[in-house]
C-alpha cells in the first residue's frame, strides 16, 4: 500500500512540474486607422442615416472620427485611438459595427485622455467616436471616470477606475484532478499508517 501511495504522490509531483499555469490570454494591443478598410466602408457610409446608431448617442454629441481596426486573434484587444482636440474631461461615446449593426461599447471599457482614447474591444468591426460638444465647451464631464468623495474633515480624495482584466490562474479541470489525487493519496497514507500501528 505504501508503494502505491508513493507512486501516486510521485506521479502528482511529476505532472505538477510539467503543467504550465492555466491563465486566460492577455488582451492584444492593436492599432486603429482613420483610413477606412474596404470591408468597413459600407458600414461607415451608412452611419449618418442609421437610426439605431443615432439612438445610441445622446443629443449634443458629434462624430469625432471613424476608424478601422487591425485584426486580432485573442478574446479581447486594447486599441488606442488618437482624437485631436479631446481632453480627459470630455464625455465620449464609442460605437462599433458588430454583426451587421452598430452597438455602444460600455463606458467602463473606454478611457479618455488628452488627445486620445483607449478602448477594449472583443470583436472586429469599425469604430465611431463621438464626443459631447457641450461638456467640451464648458470644460466639464458628465461621465468622468474619476470619482471624488469628501470626508468628514473636509479633505477631498479622488479615485480613478480602470478596466484592466488580470488573467486568472488555476481555473482548469486539471488542477481539480491534481487536488483529488493528492487527497486520495493522503487518505491512503493515513489508512495504511493506522493499520501498521494497530
C-alpha atoms as a PDB file:
ATOM      1  CA  UNK A   1       0.000   0.000   0.000  1.00  0.00           C
ATOM      2  CA  UNK A   2       2.845   2.372   0.838  1.00  0.00           C
ATOM      3  CA  UNK A   3       4.387   1.771  -2.573  1.00  0.00           C
ATOM      4  CA  UNK A   4       1.087   2.595  -4.268  1.00  0.00           C
ATOM      5  CA  UNK A   5       0.690   5.825  -2.280  1.00  0.00           C
ATOM      6  CA  UNK A   6       4.306   6.772  -3.019  1.00  0.00           C
ATOM      7  CA  UNK A   7       3.684   6.120  -6.719  1.00  0.00           C
ATOM      8  CA  UNK A   8       0.600   8.378  -6.743  1.00  0.00           C
ATOM      9  CA  UNK A   9       2.443  11.149  -4.940  1.00  0.00           C
ATOM     10  CA  UNK A  10       5.379  10.906  -7.334  1.00  0.00           C
ATOM     11  CA  UNK A  11       3.002  10.970 -10.320  1.00  0.00           C
ATOM     12  CA  UNK A  12       1.270  14.075  -8.983  1.00  0.00           C
ATOM     13  CA  UNK A  13       4.631  15.758  -8.418  1.00  0.00           C
ATOM     14  CA  UNK A  14       5.859  14.968 -11.945  1.00  0.00           C
ATOM     15  CA  UNK A  15       2.607  16.132 -13.547  1.00  0.00           C
ATOM     16  CA  UNK A  16       2.558  19.279 -11.429  1.00  0.00           C
ATOM     17  CA  UNK A  17       6.075  20.195 -12.534  1.00  0.00           C
ATOM     18  CA  UNK A  18       5.273  19.760 -16.229  1.00  0.00           C
ATOM     19  CA  UNK A  19       1.995  21.710 -16.272  1.00  0.00           C
ATOM     20  CA  UNK A  20       2.221  25.427 -17.044  1.00  0.00           C
ATOM     21  CA  UNK A  21      -0.012  27.980 -15.350  1.00  0.00           C
ATOM     22  CA  UNK A  22      -3.580  27.967 -16.623  1.00  0.00           C
ATOM     23  CA  UNK A  23      -4.154  31.636 -17.339  1.00  0.00           C
ATOM     24  CA  UNK A  24      -6.538  33.480 -19.610  1.00  0.00           C
ATOM     25  CA  UNK A  25      -4.838  35.050 -22.590  1.00  0.00           C
ATOM     26  CA  UNK A  26      -3.853  38.674 -22.140  1.00  0.00           C
ATOM     27  CA  UNK A  27      -5.534  41.232 -24.388  1.00  0.00           C
ATOM     28  CA  UNK A  28      -3.692  42.109 -27.612  1.00  0.00           C
ATOM     29  CA  UNK A  29      -2.649  45.671 -28.246  1.00  0.00           C
ATOM     30  CA  UNK A  30      -3.863  46.647 -31.702  1.00  0.00           C
ATOM     31  CA  UNK A  31      -3.933  49.805 -33.776  1.00  0.00           C
ATOM     32  CA  UNK A  32      -6.762  51.743 -35.393  1.00  0.00           C
ATOM     33  CA  UNK A  33      -6.573  53.631 -38.654  1.00  0.00           C
ATOM     34  CA  UNK A  34      -8.588  56.640 -39.811  1.00  0.00           C
ATOM     35  CA  UNK A  35      -8.161  55.219 -43.315  1.00  0.00           C
ATOM     36  CA  UNK A  36     -11.250  53.031 -43.573  1.00  0.00           C
ATOM     37  CA  UNK A  37     -10.727  49.479 -44.816  1.00  0.00           C
ATOM     38  CA  UNK A  38     -12.751  48.429 -47.860  1.00  0.00           C
ATOM     39  CA  UNK A  39     -14.656  45.845 -45.789  1.00  0.00           C
ATOM     40  CA  UNK A  40     -15.748  48.587 -43.341  1.00  0.00           C
ATOM     41  CA  UNK A  41     -16.666  51.264 -45.915  1.00  0.00           C
ATOM     42  CA  UNK A  42     -20.353  50.326 -46.327  1.00  0.00           C
ATOM     43  CA  UNK A  43     -20.967  50.422 -42.550  1.00  0.00           C
ATOM     44  CA  UNK A  44     -19.235  53.795 -42.236  1.00  0.00           C
ATOM     45  CA  UNK A  45     -21.122  55.230 -45.231  1.00  0.00           C
ATOM     46  CA  UNK A  46     -24.453  54.255 -43.666  1.00  0.00           C
ATOM     47  CA  UNK A  47     -23.607  55.553 -40.194  1.00  0.00           C
ATOM     48  CA  UNK A  48     -25.147  59.022 -40.619  1.00  0.00           C
ATOM     49  CA  UNK A  49     -28.514  57.583 -41.722  1.00  0.00           C
ATOM     50  CA  UNK A  50     -28.565  54.678 -39.255  1.00  0.00           C
ATOM     51  CA  UNK A  51     -31.391  55.304 -36.779  1.00  0.00           C
ATOM     52  CA  UNK A  52     -30.127  52.602 -34.398  1.00  0.00           C
ATOM     53  CA  UNK A  53     -26.730  54.280 -34.178  1.00  0.00           C
ATOM     54  CA  UNK A  54     -28.369  57.689 -33.684  1.00  0.00           C
ATOM     55  CA  UNK A  55     -30.423  56.351 -30.773  1.00  0.00           C
ATOM     56  CA  UNK A  56     -27.251  55.143 -29.020  1.00  0.00           C
ATOM     57  CA  UNK A  57     -25.692  58.604 -28.976  1.00  0.00           C
ATOM     58  CA  UNK A  58     -27.027  61.303 -26.675  1.00  0.00           C
ATOM     59  CA  UNK A  59     -28.002  64.685 -28.086  1.00  0.00           C
ATOM     60  CA  UNK A  60     -25.179  67.178 -28.133  1.00  0.00           C
ATOM     61  CA  UNK A  61     -22.610  64.579 -29.161  1.00  0.00           C
ATOM     62  CA  UNK A  62     -20.862  64.975 -32.503  1.00  0.00           C
ATOM     63  CA  UNK A  63     -18.862  62.490 -34.563  1.00  0.00           C
ATOM     64  CA  UNK A  64     -15.121  62.952 -33.984  1.00  0.00           C
ATOM     65  CA  UNK A  65     -13.914  60.201 -36.290  1.00  0.00           C
ATOM     66  CA  UNK A  66     -14.359  56.719 -37.726  1.00  0.00           C
ATOM     67  CA  UNK A  67     -11.679  54.060 -37.585  1.00  0.00           C
ATOM     68  CA  UNK A  68     -10.866  50.612 -38.927  1.00  0.00           C
ATOM     69  CA  UNK A  69      -9.289  48.124 -36.529  1.00  0.00           C
ATOM     70  CA  UNK A  70      -6.305  45.907 -37.041  1.00  0.00           C
ATOM     71  CA  UNK A  71      -7.367  42.241 -36.795  1.00  0.00           C
ATOM     72  CA  UNK A  72      -6.582  40.352 -33.582  1.00  0.00           C
ATOM     73  CA  UNK A  73      -6.667  36.707 -32.501  1.00  0.00           C
ATOM     74  CA  UNK A  74      -7.351  36.936 -28.757  1.00  0.00           C
ATOM     75  CA  UNK A  75     -10.655  37.236 -26.899  1.00  0.00           C
ATOM     76  CA  UNK A  76     -10.129  40.943 -26.258  1.00  0.00           C
ATOM     77  CA  UNK A  77      -7.886  43.657 -27.604  1.00  0.00           C
ATOM     78  CA  UNK A  78      -6.904  47.122 -26.431  1.00  0.00           C
ATOM     79  CA  UNK A  79      -6.786  49.895 -29.017  1.00  0.00           C
ATOM     80  CA  UNK A  80      -5.542  53.448 -28.518  1.00  0.00           C
ATOM     81  CA  UNK A  81      -7.070  55.981 -30.903  1.00  0.00           C
ATOM     82  CA  UNK A  82      -5.742  59.480 -31.495  1.00  0.00           C
ATOM     83  CA  UNK A  83      -8.590  62.003 -31.290  1.00  0.00           C
ATOM     84  CA  UNK A  84      -7.194  65.536 -31.729  1.00  0.00           C
ATOM     85  CA  UNK A  85      -8.795  68.189 -29.542  1.00  0.00           C
ATOM     86  CA  UNK A  86     -10.126  65.698 -26.998  1.00  0.00           C
ATOM     87  CA  UNK A  87      -9.374  66.234 -23.298  1.00  0.00           C
ATOM     88  CA  UNK A  88      -9.560  63.801 -20.410  1.00  0.00           C
ATOM     89  CA  UNK A  89     -12.602  65.667 -19.033  1.00  0.00           C
ATOM     90  CA  UNK A  90     -14.670  65.145 -22.201  1.00  0.00           C
ATOM     91  CA  UNK A  91     -17.588  62.731 -22.330  1.00  0.00           C
ATOM     92  CA  UNK A  92     -17.206  60.182 -25.098  1.00  0.00           C
ATOM     93  CA  UNK A  93     -19.427  57.522 -26.681  1.00  0.00           C
ATOM     94  CA  UNK A  94     -17.856  54.808 -28.832  1.00  0.00           C
ATOM     95  CA  UNK A  95     -19.896  52.721 -31.259  1.00  0.00           C
ATOM     96  CA  UNK A  96     -18.715  49.571 -33.014  1.00  0.00           C
ATOM     97  CA  UNK A  97     -20.198  47.823 -36.027  1.00  0.00           C
ATOM     98  CA  UNK A  98     -20.719  44.188 -34.990  1.00  0.00           C
ATOM     99  CA  UNK A  99     -22.708  41.518 -36.863  1.00  0.00           C
ATOM    100  CA  UNK A 100     -24.446  43.989 -39.140  1.00  0.00           C
ATOM    101  CA  UNK A 101     -25.441  46.594 -36.522  1.00  0.00           C
ATOM    102  CA  UNK A 102     -23.928  49.485 -34.594  1.00  0.00           C
ATOM    103  CA  UNK A 103     -23.621  48.804 -30.850  1.00  0.00           C
ATOM    104  CA  UNK A 104     -22.429  51.010 -28.000  1.00  0.00           C
ATOM    105  CA  UNK A 105     -19.230  49.962 -26.250  1.00  0.00           C
ATOM    106  CA  UNK A 106     -19.709  50.016 -22.481  1.00  0.00           C
ATOM    107  CA  UNK A 107     -18.303  53.181 -20.899  1.00  0.00           C
ATOM    108  CA  UNK A 108     -16.239  51.088 -18.468  1.00  0.00           C
ATOM    109  CA  UNK A 109     -14.220  49.832 -21.462  1.00  0.00           C
ATOM    110  CA  UNK A 110     -13.366  53.348 -22.652  1.00  0.00           C
ATOM    111  CA  UNK A 111     -10.672  55.547 -21.107  1.00  0.00           C
ATOM    112  CA  UNK A 112     -10.418  59.168 -22.225  1.00  0.00           C
ATOM    113  CA  UNK A 113      -7.117  61.024 -22.246  1.00  0.00           C
ATOM    114  CA  UNK A 114      -5.828  64.298 -23.659  1.00  0.00           C
ATOM    115  CA  UNK A 115      -5.922  63.786 -27.415  1.00  0.00           C
ATOM    116  CA  UNK A 116      -6.688  60.065 -27.327  1.00  0.00           C
ATOM    117  CA  UNK A 117      -9.000  57.335 -26.085  1.00  0.00           C
ATOM    118  CA  UNK A 118      -8.257  53.746 -25.146  1.00  0.00           C
ATOM    119  CA  UNK A 119     -10.938  51.167 -25.911  1.00  0.00           C
ATOM    120  CA  UNK A 120     -11.144  47.462 -25.050  1.00  0.00           C
ATOM    121  CA  UNK A 121     -12.895  45.545 -27.833  1.00  0.00           C
ATOM    122  CA  UNK A 122     -13.934  41.906 -28.079  1.00  0.00           C
ATOM    123  CA  UNK A 123     -14.693  41.680 -31.803  1.00  0.00           C
ATOM    124  CA  UNK A 124     -13.615  43.055 -35.154  1.00  0.00           C
ATOM    125  CA  UNK A 125     -15.524  45.925 -36.705  1.00  0.00           C
ATOM    126  CA  UNK A 126     -15.055  49.632 -37.367  1.00  0.00           C
ATOM    127  CA  UNK A 127     -15.393  52.178 -34.570  1.00  0.00           C
ATOM    128  CA  UNK A 128     -17.119  55.562 -34.461  1.00  0.00           C
ATOM    129  CA  UNK A 129     -16.083  58.022 -31.745  1.00  0.00           C
ATOM    130  CA  UNK A 130     -18.487  60.729 -30.548  1.00  0.00           C
ATOM    131  CA  UNK A 131     -17.734  63.487 -28.031  1.00  0.00           C
ATOM    132  CA  UNK A 132     -20.091  65.724 -26.074  1.00  0.00           C
ATOM    133  CA  UNK A 133     -19.644  69.202 -27.537  1.00  0.00           C
ATOM    134  CA  UNK A 134     -21.387  70.902 -24.603  1.00  0.00           C
ATOM    135  CA  UNK A 135     -19.060  69.364 -21.994  1.00  0.00           C
ATOM    136  CA  UNK A 136     -16.041  70.109 -24.181  1.00  0.00           C
ATOM    137  CA  UNK A 137     -17.049  73.751 -24.415  1.00  0.00           C
ATOM    138  CA  UNK A 138     -17.788  74.068 -20.712  1.00  0.00           C
ATOM    139  CA  UNK A 139     -14.736  72.050 -19.677  1.00  0.00           C
ATOM    140  CA  UNK A 140     -16.860  69.656 -17.622  1.00  0.00           C
ATOM    141  CA  UNK A 141     -17.714  65.992 -17.957  1.00  0.00           C
ATOM    142  CA  UNK A 142     -20.912  64.168 -17.122  1.00  0.00           C
ATOM    143  CA  UNK A 143     -19.320  60.710 -17.269  1.00  0.00           C
ATOM    144  CA  UNK A 144     -15.832  61.269 -15.949  1.00  0.00           C
ATOM    145  CA  UNK A 145     -14.047  58.049 -14.990  1.00  0.00           C
ATOM    146  CA  UNK A 146     -12.796  59.657 -11.769  1.00  0.00           C
ATOM    147  CA  UNK A 147     -14.943  59.854  -8.682  1.00  0.00           C
ATOM    148  CA  UNK A 148     -14.269  62.177  -5.767  1.00  0.00           C
ATOM    149  CA  UNK A 149     -15.507  61.994  -2.236  1.00  0.00           C
ATOM    150  CA  UNK A 150     -15.301  64.421   0.635  1.00  0.00           C
ATOM    151  CA  UNK A 151     -14.505  63.085   4.080  1.00  0.00           C
ATOM    152  CA  UNK A 152     -15.776  64.456   7.385  1.00  0.00           C
ATOM    153  CA  UNK A 153     -12.639  66.547   7.884  1.00  0.00           C
ATOM    154  CA  UNK A 154     -13.284  68.394   4.621  1.00  0.00           C
ATOM    155  CA  UNK A 155     -10.488  66.828   2.602  1.00  0.00           C
ATOM    156  CA  UNK A 156     -11.295  65.520  -0.853  1.00  0.00           C
ATOM    157  CA  UNK A 157      -9.985  62.244  -2.204  1.00  0.00           C
ATOM    158  CA  UNK A 158     -10.170  61.074  -5.771  1.00  0.00           C
ATOM    159  CA  UNK A 159     -10.283  57.543  -7.118  1.00  0.00           C
ATOM    160  CA  UNK A 160      -9.953  56.533 -10.720  1.00  0.00           C
ATOM    161  CA  UNK A 161     -11.480  53.404 -12.190  1.00  0.00           C
ATOM    162  CA  UNK A 162      -9.920  51.389 -14.968  1.00  0.00           C
ATOM    163  CA  UNK A 163     -10.949  48.264 -16.831  1.00  0.00           C
ATOM    164  CA  UNK A 164      -7.832  46.150 -16.578  1.00  0.00           C
ATOM    165  CA  UNK A 165      -8.556  42.450 -16.603  1.00  0.00           C
ATOM    166  CA  UNK A 166      -5.990  40.196 -14.989  1.00  0.00           C
ATOM    167  CA  UNK A 167      -5.558  36.662 -16.194  1.00  0.00           C
ATOM    168  CA  UNK A 168      -6.862  34.090 -13.745  1.00  0.00           C
ATOM    169  CA  UNK A 169      -4.542  31.271 -12.794  1.00  0.00           C
ATOM    170  CA  UNK A 170      -5.563  27.767 -11.810  1.00  0.00           C
ATOM    171  CA  UNK A 171      -9.040  27.782 -13.334  1.00  0.00           C
ATOM    172  CA  UNK A 172      -8.875  24.460 -15.144  1.00  0.00           C
ATOM    173  CA  UNK A 173     -10.252  20.937 -14.568  1.00  0.00           C
ATOM    174  CA  UNK A 174      -6.690  19.577 -14.454  1.00  0.00           C
ATOM    175  CA  UNK A 175      -5.984  21.446 -11.233  1.00  0.00           C
ATOM    176  CA  UNK A 176      -9.080  19.917  -9.625  1.00  0.00           C
ATOM    177  CA  UNK A 177      -7.834  16.476 -10.742  1.00  0.00           C
ATOM    178  CA  UNK A 178      -4.464  17.092  -9.101  1.00  0.00           C
ATOM    179  CA  UNK A 179      -6.169  18.118  -5.866  1.00  0.00           C
ATOM    180  CA  UNK A 180      -8.324  14.967  -5.917  1.00  0.00           C
ATOM    181  CA  UNK A 181      -5.283  12.732  -6.462  1.00  0.00           C
ATOM    182  CA  UNK A 182      -3.427  14.388  -3.598  1.00  0.00           C
ATOM    183  CA  UNK A 183      -6.455  13.967  -1.295  1.00  0.00           C
ATOM    184  CA  UNK A 184      -6.819  10.258  -2.201  1.00  0.00           C
ATOM    185  CA  UNK A 185      -3.107   9.680  -1.672  1.00  0.00           C
ATOM    186  CA  UNK A 186      -3.198  11.403   1.730  1.00  0.00           C
ATOM    187  CA  UNK A 187      -6.214   9.338   2.859  1.00  0.00           C
ATOM    188  CA  UNK A 188      -4.472   6.181   1.663  1.00  0.00           C
ATOM    189  CA  UNK A 189      -1.336   7.073   3.573  1.00  0.00           C
ATOM    190  CA  UNK A 190      -3.284   7.701   6.785  1.00  0.00           C
ATOM    191  CA  UNK A 191      -5.237   4.437   6.442  1.00  0.00           C
ATOM    192  CA  UNK A 192      -2.052   2.458   5.811  1.00  0.00           C
ATOM    193  CA  UNK A 193      -0.344   4.123   8.784  1.00  0.00           C
ATOM    194  CA  UNK A 194      -3.255   3.255  11.160  1.00  0.00           C
ATOM    195  CA  UNK A 195      -3.205  -0.383  10.047  1.00  0.00           C
ATOM    196  CA  UNK A 196       0.534  -0.588  10.569  1.00  0.00           C
ATOM    197  CA  UNK A 197       0.302   0.630  14.186  1.00  0.00           C
ATOM    198  CA  UNK A 198      -2.908  -1.298  15.004  1.00  0.00           C
END
